[in-house]
Structures are given as C-alpha cells and as structure tokens.
N, C-alpha and C. Protein backbone atom coordinates (compact mmCIF):
# COMPACT_ATOMS: atom_id res chain seq x y z
N MET A 1 -11.53 -13.11 15.07
CA MET A 1 -11.51 -13.08 13.60
C MET A 1 -11.51 -11.65 13.07
N ILE A 2 -12.38 -10.81 13.64
CA ILE A 2 -12.45 -9.41 13.20
C ILE A 2 -11.18 -8.66 13.57
N ILE A 3 -10.65 -8.95 14.77
CA ILE A 3 -9.39 -8.31 15.21
C ILE A 3 -8.24 -8.71 14.29
N PHE A 4 -8.19 -9.99 13.93
CA PHE A 4 -7.15 -10.48 13.01
C PHE A 4 -7.24 -9.80 11.65
N LEU A 5 -8.46 -9.63 11.17
CA LEU A 5 -8.68 -8.96 9.89
C LEU A 5 -8.23 -7.50 9.95
N LEU A 6 -8.55 -6.84 11.04
CA LEU A 6 -8.15 -5.44 11.24
C LEU A 6 -6.63 -5.31 11.30
N LEU A 7 -5.99 -6.21 12.05
CA LEU A 7 -4.53 -6.20 12.15
C LEU A 7 -3.86 -6.46 10.81
N SER A 8 -4.40 -7.38 10.04
CA SER A 8 -3.84 -7.69 8.73
C SER A 8 -3.99 -6.50 7.78
N CYS A 9 -5.10 -5.78 7.89
CA CYS A 9 -5.31 -4.58 7.06
C CYS A 9 -4.31 -3.49 7.42
N ILE A 10 -4.08 -3.28 8.72
CA ILE A 10 -3.11 -2.28 9.18
C ILE A 10 -1.70 -2.67 8.72
N PHE A 11 -1.36 -3.96 8.87
CA PHE A 11 -0.05 -4.44 8.45
C PHE A 11 0.16 -4.28 6.95
N TYR A 12 -0.89 -4.60 6.17
CA TYR A 12 -0.81 -4.47 4.72
C TYR A 12 -0.62 -3.02 4.30
N ARG A 13 -1.30 -2.12 5.00
CA ARG A 13 -1.16 -0.70 4.69
C ARG A 13 0.25 -0.21 5.03
N LEU A 14 0.78 -0.64 6.17
CA LEU A 14 2.15 -0.29 6.56
C LEU A 14 3.15 -0.80 5.53
N LEU A 15 2.96 -2.04 5.10
CA LEU A 15 3.84 -2.64 4.09
C LEU A 15 3.77 -1.86 2.78
N ALA A 16 2.57 -1.46 2.40
CA ALA A 16 2.38 -0.68 1.18
C ALA A 16 3.06 0.68 1.28
N LEU A 17 2.95 1.33 2.45
CA LEU A 17 3.61 2.62 2.66
C LEU A 17 5.12 2.49 2.62
N MET A 18 5.65 1.43 3.23
CA MET A 18 7.09 1.20 3.23
C MET A 18 7.61 0.96 1.82
N LEU A 19 6.89 0.13 1.06
CA LEU A 19 7.28 -0.15 -0.32
C LEU A 19 7.17 1.09 -1.19
N ASP A 20 6.13 1.88 -0.96
CA ASP A 20 5.92 3.13 -1.67
C ASP A 20 7.10 4.08 -1.43
N PHE A 21 7.52 4.20 -0.16
CA PHE A 21 8.64 5.06 0.20
C PHE A 21 9.95 4.56 -0.40
N TRP A 22 10.17 3.23 -0.34
CA TRP A 22 11.39 2.64 -0.87
C TRP A 22 11.50 2.82 -2.38
N LEU A 23 10.39 2.64 -3.08
CA LEU A 23 10.40 2.81 -4.53
C LEU A 23 10.57 4.27 -4.92
N SER A 24 10.04 5.18 -4.10
CA SER A 24 10.17 6.61 -4.40
C SER A 24 11.62 7.05 -4.28
N LYS A 25 12.40 6.37 -3.44
CA LYS A 25 13.82 6.67 -3.32
C LYS A 25 14.59 6.21 -4.54
N LYS A 26 14.11 5.15 -5.20
CA LYS A 26 14.81 4.61 -6.36
C LYS A 26 14.63 5.50 -7.59
N SER A 27 13.40 5.77 -7.95
CA SER A 27 13.15 6.66 -9.09
C SER A 27 11.70 7.13 -9.12
N CYS A 28 11.45 8.21 -9.82
CA CYS A 28 10.11 8.78 -9.92
C CYS A 28 9.16 7.84 -10.66
N TYR A 29 9.71 7.12 -11.64
CA TYR A 29 8.88 6.19 -12.42
C TYR A 29 8.35 5.05 -11.54
N HIS A 30 9.24 4.47 -10.74
CA HIS A 30 8.84 3.41 -9.83
C HIS A 30 7.87 3.93 -8.78
N PHE A 31 8.08 5.17 -8.36
CA PHE A 31 7.19 5.80 -7.39
C PHE A 31 5.78 5.91 -7.96
N PHE A 32 5.69 6.31 -9.23
CA PHE A 32 4.39 6.43 -9.90
C PHE A 32 3.70 5.06 -10.01
N ILE A 33 4.47 4.04 -10.37
CA ILE A 33 3.92 2.69 -10.50
C ILE A 33 3.41 2.19 -9.14
N ALA A 34 4.21 2.42 -8.10
CA ALA A 34 3.82 1.97 -6.76
C ALA A 34 2.55 2.67 -6.29
N ARG A 35 2.45 3.98 -6.54
CA ARG A 35 1.27 4.72 -6.12
C ARG A 35 0.04 4.28 -6.90
N LYS A 36 0.23 3.99 -8.18
CA LYS A 36 -0.90 3.52 -8.99
C LYS A 36 -1.35 2.14 -8.53
N PHE A 37 -0.38 1.31 -8.15
CA PHE A 37 -0.70 -0.06 -7.73
C PHE A 37 -1.38 -0.08 -6.36
N PHE A 38 -0.86 0.69 -5.41
CA PHE A 38 -1.37 0.62 -4.04
C PHE A 38 -2.54 1.56 -3.77
N TRP A 39 -2.56 2.71 -4.41
CA TRP A 39 -3.60 3.69 -4.08
C TRP A 39 -4.57 3.93 -5.24
N GLY A 40 -4.42 3.13 -6.30
CA GLY A 40 -5.26 3.33 -7.47
C GLY A 40 -6.58 2.58 -7.41
N LYS A 41 -7.06 2.19 -8.58
CA LYS A 41 -8.36 1.53 -8.70
C LYS A 41 -8.37 0.13 -8.08
N ASN A 42 -7.21 -0.52 -8.04
CA ASN A 42 -7.15 -1.91 -7.62
C ASN A 42 -7.17 -2.11 -6.10
N ARG A 43 -7.18 -1.03 -5.34
CA ARG A 43 -7.18 -1.16 -3.89
C ARG A 43 -8.51 -1.73 -3.39
N LEU A 44 -8.46 -2.40 -2.26
CA LEU A 44 -9.67 -2.98 -1.69
C LEU A 44 -10.53 -1.87 -1.07
N PRO A 45 -11.82 -1.85 -1.35
CA PRO A 45 -12.68 -0.78 -0.86
C PRO A 45 -12.88 -0.84 0.65
N GLY A 46 -12.77 0.31 1.29
CA GLY A 46 -13.02 0.41 2.72
C GLY A 46 -11.82 0.15 3.60
N ILE A 47 -10.73 -0.40 3.04
CA ILE A 47 -9.56 -0.70 3.86
C ILE A 47 -8.64 0.52 3.95
N PHE A 48 -8.37 1.13 2.82
CA PHE A 48 -7.48 2.29 2.83
C PHE A 48 -8.30 3.57 2.82
C-alpha cells in the first residue's frame, strides 16, 4: 500500500512536469497557469 502510494506520487509529479513543459511550449500565459496550478497553494503537502 505504501509502495503504491509512493509510486502514484512519483507518477503524478512526472505527469505534472510533462504538462508543465508542454504548456510552456505553447505560451507564457499557459505556463504561468500550469505553474500556479501544480506548484502553487493547491499542491498536496509533503508530496512535492
């Protein structure tokens, strides 16, 4: 259970990084939105 949780956290972070990179290629505005969404106040504590 703990291993599964750890793997899901790593996968979610990878997905967030990929989406962050993809949006940054599209435009600076989308890049800002993605960074605010993934790395802002709404992130889960202790995971990232």
